[in-house]
Amino acid sequence: MNDALMRRITFNPGIFGGKPIIRGMRIAVEHVLGMLAAGSTFEEILEGYPFLEKEDIQACLLYAYRLSAHERFEPVATR
């Protein structure tokens, strides 16, 4: 399942400078993640972008998870 989801995330140097996009379309993974971060539901995103599928949104989340799993976050010290 994870591999099938990840195949939905593609790259094209001619679209958004090679940023990850969904199934070769002109919608960036970061755009979908931004909508989710702002509180949009899957249903709201799918209503606004009827060419997307639920699995596309899941693929964006999986992509973000895989990226963050390899990142180290250093919190800023506060006084």
C-alpha atoms as a PDB file:
ATOM      1  CA  MET A   1       0.000   0.000   0.000  1.00  0.00           C
ATOM      2  CA  ASN A   2       2.725   2.500   0.898  1.00  0.00           C
ATOM      3  CA  ASP A   3       4.559   1.938  -2.370  1.00  0.00           C
ATOM      4  CA  ALA A   4       1.344   2.393  -4.329  1.00  0.00           C
ATOM      5  CA  LEU A   5       0.674   5.651  -2.500  1.00  0.00           C
ATOM      6  CA  MET A   6       4.198   6.919  -3.054  1.00  0.00           C
ATOM      7  CA  ARG A   7       3.893   6.324  -6.818  1.00  0.00           C
ATOM      8  CA  ARG A   8       1.261   9.073  -6.786  1.00  0.00           C
ATOM      9  CA  ILE A   9       3.971  11.596  -5.882  1.00  0.00           C
ATOM     10  CA  THR A  10       5.960  12.601  -8.949  1.00  0.00           C
ATOM     11  CA  PHE A  11       8.520  15.194  -9.978  1.00  0.00           C
ATOM     12  CA  ASN A  12       8.706  17.172 -13.195  1.00  0.00           C
ATOM     13  CA  PRO A  13      11.394  19.839 -13.628  1.00  0.00           C
ATOM     14  CA  GLY A  14       8.944  21.793 -15.794  1.00  0.00           C
ATOM     15  CA  ILE A  15       6.273  22.015 -13.075  1.00  0.00           C
ATOM     16  CA  PHE A  16       6.920  24.144  -9.989  1.00  0.00           C
ATOM     17  CA  GLY A  17      10.669  23.866 -10.496  1.00  0.00           C
ATOM     18  CA  GLY A  18      10.702  20.133  -9.825  1.00  0.00           C
ATOM     19  CA  LYS A  19       8.879  20.226  -6.493  1.00  0.00           C
ATOM     20  CA  PRO A  20       6.891  17.088  -5.655  1.00  0.00           C
ATOM     21  CA  ILE A  21       3.489  17.057  -7.319  1.00  0.00           C
ATOM     22  CA  ILE A  22       0.511  14.717  -7.398  1.00  0.00           C
ATOM     23  CA  ARG A  23       0.271  12.315 -10.346  1.00  0.00           C
ATOM     24  CA  GLY A  24       1.983  14.712 -12.749  1.00  0.00           C
ATOM     25  CA  MET A  25      -0.695  17.369 -12.263  1.00  0.00           C
ATOM     26  CA  ARG A  26      -0.091  20.990 -11.459  1.00  0.00           C
ATOM     27  CA  ILE A  27      -0.849  20.625  -7.771  1.00  0.00           C
ATOM     28  CA  ALA A  28       2.072  20.557  -5.376  1.00  0.00           C
ATOM     29  CA  VAL A  29       2.299  18.255  -2.393  1.00  0.00           C
ATOM     30  CA  GLU A  30       3.132  21.305  -0.266  1.00  0.00           C
ATOM     31  CA  HIS A  31      -0.174  22.915  -1.280  1.00  0.00           C
ATOM     32  CA  VAL A  32      -2.199  19.938  -0.061  1.00  0.00           C
ATOM     33  CA  LEU A  33      -0.154  19.735   3.140  1.00  0.00           C
ATOM     34  CA  GLY A  34      -0.690  23.451   3.704  1.00  0.00           C
ATOM     35  CA  MET A  35      -4.443  23.041   3.380  1.00  0.00           C
ATOM     36  CA  LEU A  36      -4.393  20.168   5.875  1.00  0.00           C
ATOM     37  CA  ALA A  37      -2.224  22.193   8.261  1.00  0.00           C
ATOM     38  CA  ALA A  38      -4.712  25.060   8.007  1.00  0.00           C
ATOM     39  CA  GLY A  39      -7.496  22.729   9.120  1.00  0.00           C
ATOM     40  CA  SER A  40      -9.079  21.645   5.857  1.00  0.00           C
ATOM     41  CA  THR A  41     -10.587  18.175   5.905  1.00  0.00           C
ATOM     42  CA  PHE A  42     -10.079  15.543   3.232  1.00  0.00           C
ATOM     43  CA  GLU A  43     -13.668  16.165   2.149  1.00  0.00           C
ATOM     44  CA  GLU A  44     -13.123  19.918   1.774  1.00  0.00           C
ATOM     45  CA  ILE A  45      -9.991  19.393  -0.292  1.00  0.00           C
ATOM     46  CA  LEU A  46     -11.677  16.830  -2.517  1.00  0.00           C
ATOM     47  CA  GLU A  47     -14.646  19.149  -3.011  1.00  0.00           C
ATOM     48  CA  GLY A  48     -12.375  22.030  -4.008  1.00  0.00           C
ATOM     49  CA  TYR A  49     -10.166  19.848  -6.211  1.00  0.00           C
ATOM     50  CA  PRO A  50     -12.486  17.218  -7.700  1.00  0.00           C
ATOM     51  CA  PHE A  51      -9.677  15.727  -9.810  1.00  0.00           C
ATOM     52  CA  LEU A  52      -7.924  14.586  -6.630  1.00  0.00           C
ATOM     53  CA  GLU A  53      -8.587  11.285  -4.906  1.00  0.00           C
ATOM     54  CA  LYS A  54      -8.466  10.438  -1.212  1.00  0.00           C
ATOM     55  CA  GLU A  55      -5.343   8.380  -1.875  1.00  0.00           C
ATOM     56  CA  ASP A  56      -3.604  11.481  -3.268  1.00  0.00           C
ATOM     57  CA  ILE A  57      -4.029  13.233   0.063  1.00  0.00           C
ATOM     58  CA  GLN A  58      -2.873  10.134   1.919  1.00  0.00           C
ATOM     59  CA  ALA A  59       0.177  10.040  -0.365  1.00  0.00           C
ATOM     60  CA  CYS A  60       1.004  13.639   0.575  1.00  0.00           C
ATOM     61  CA  LEU A  61       0.849  12.734   4.256  1.00  0.00           C
ATOM     62  CA  LEU A  62       3.012   9.670   3.711  1.00  0.00           C
ATOM     63  CA  TYR A  63       5.535  11.745   1.747  1.00  0.00           C
ATOM     64  CA  ALA A  64       5.702  14.286   4.595  1.00  0.00           C
ATOM     65  CA  TYR A  65       6.044  11.501   7.152  1.00  0.00           C
ATOM     66  CA  ARG A  66       8.916   9.901   5.268  1.00  0.00           C
ATOM     67  CA  LEU A  67      10.696  13.245   4.952  1.00  0.00           C
ATOM     68  CA  SER A  68      10.276  14.103   8.611  1.00  0.00           C
ATOM     69  CA  ALA A  69      11.335  10.626   9.726  1.00  0.00           C
ATOM     70  CA  HIS A  70      14.821  11.459   8.449  1.00  0.00           C
ATOM     71  CA  GLU A  71      14.962  14.981   9.859  1.00  0.00           C
ATOM     72  CA  ARG A  72      16.320  16.023  13.201  1.00  0.00           C
ATOM     73  CA  PHE A  73      14.507  18.906  14.826  1.00  0.00           C
ATOM     74  CA  GLU A  74      16.467  21.066  17.241  1.00  0.00           C
ATOM     75  CA  PRO A  75      14.116  23.184  19.319  1.00  0.00           C
ATOM     76  CA  VAL A  76      15.173  26.743  19.907  1.00  0.00           C
ATOM     77  CA  ALA A  77      16.088  27.391  23.516  1.00  0.00           C
ATOM     78  CA  THR A  78      13.974  30.030  25.186  1.00  0.00           C
ATOM     79  CA  ARG A  79      14.706  31.875  28.392  1.00  0.00           C
END
